[in-house]
Amino acid sequence: MSFQDGILMGLNGLDQRRIEVDKKVADLQTKVEDLTKLVHTLLTVICEEADGVQSGSVPTIPGQPARGYCM
């Protein structure tokens, strides 16, 4: 094996590592997007009014502002 062959093997190893890292980043990005959707869904459920409809028909808590709190 010549010096040039060793360099090419090193570059191929780097290329392989870059491909692996790119796949890992893409996988993590997909997981982040899925978790973002889950958090959004959970926050929507938590902040939904008690009657299940965001109509404002739920009685307000005396002394509290009409907006800015969750039931």
Protein backbone atom coordinates (compact mmCIF):
# COMPACT_ATOMS: atom_id res chain seq x y z
CA MET A 1 0.00 0.00 0.00
CA SER A 2 1.41 3.36 -0.98
CA PHE A 3 1.18 6.67 0.86
CA GLN A 4 -1.47 7.84 -1.60
CA ASP A 5 -3.58 4.72 -0.93
CA GLY A 6 -3.40 5.49 2.80
CA ILE A 7 -4.63 9.04 2.21
CA LEU A 8 -7.52 7.77 0.08
CA MET A 9 -8.49 5.27 2.76
CA GLY A 10 -8.43 8.09 5.33
CA LEU A 11 -10.65 10.25 3.14
CA ASN A 12 -13.05 7.37 2.59
CA GLY A 13 -13.20 6.90 6.36
CA LEU A 14 -13.96 10.59 6.80
CA ASP A 15 -16.63 10.43 4.12
CA GLN A 16 -18.17 7.41 5.84
CA ARG A 17 -18.12 9.20 9.20
CA ARG A 18 -19.72 12.28 7.63
CA ILE A 19 -22.51 10.12 6.19
CA GLU A 20 -23.10 8.53 9.60
CA VAL A 21 -23.20 11.93 11.31
CA ASP A 22 -25.59 13.29 8.68
CA LYS A 23 -27.93 10.33 9.23
CA LYS A 24 -27.77 10.82 13.01
CA VAL A 25 -28.53 14.55 12.66
CA ALA A 26 -31.49 13.82 10.37
CA ASP A 27 -32.80 11.24 12.86
CA LEU A 28 -32.47 13.66 15.76
CA GLN A 29 -34.15 16.41 13.75
CA THR A 30 -37.11 14.11 13.08
CA LYS A 31 -37.35 13.29 16.78
CA VAL A 32 -37.28 16.99 17.71
CA GLU A 33 -40.08 17.71 15.24
CA ASP A 34 -42.16 14.84 16.66
CA LEU A 35 -41.59 16.05 20.22
CA THR A 36 -42.49 19.61 19.23
CA LYS A 37 -45.82 18.37 17.85
CA LEU A 38 -46.43 16.37 21.03
CA VAL A 39 -45.71 19.37 23.28
CA HIS A 40 -48.01 21.55 21.18
CA THR A 41 -50.78 18.95 21.45
CA LEU A 42 -50.33 18.60 25.21
CA LEU A 43 -50.39 22.37 25.73
CA THR A 44 -53.55 22.60 23.65
CA VAL A 45 -55.22 19.93 25.78
CA ILE A 46 -54.07 21.54 29.03
CA CYS A 47 -55.28 25.00 28.02
CA GLU A 48 -58.59 23.85 26.54
CA GLU A 49 -61.63 25.10 28.42
CA ALA A 50 -63.47 22.74 30.74
CA ASP A 51 -66.48 22.38 28.43
CA GLY A 52 -64.19 21.32 25.57
CA VAL A 53 -65.07 24.33 23.46
CA GLN A 54 -62.97 27.47 23.37
CA SER A 55 -66.02 29.70 23.22
CA GLY A 56 -65.56 31.72 26.38
CA SER A 57 -68.79 30.30 27.81
CA VAL A 58 -67.09 28.89 30.89
CA PRO A 59 -67.69 31.02 34.01
CA THR A 60 -64.75 33.20 34.96
CA ILE A 61 -63.03 33.17 38.31
CA PRO A 62 -64.03 36.31 40.27
CA GLY A 63 -61.26 38.88 40.41
CA GLN A 64 -59.29 37.25 37.58
CA PRO A 65 -58.73 38.76 34.15
CA ALA A 66 -60.90 37.37 31.36
CA ARG A 67 -57.80 36.10 29.56
CA GLY A 68 -54.37 34.82 30.43
CA TYR A 69 -55.15 31.78 32.56
CA CYS A 70 -56.07 28.17 31.93
CA MET A 71 -59.04 26.32 33.32
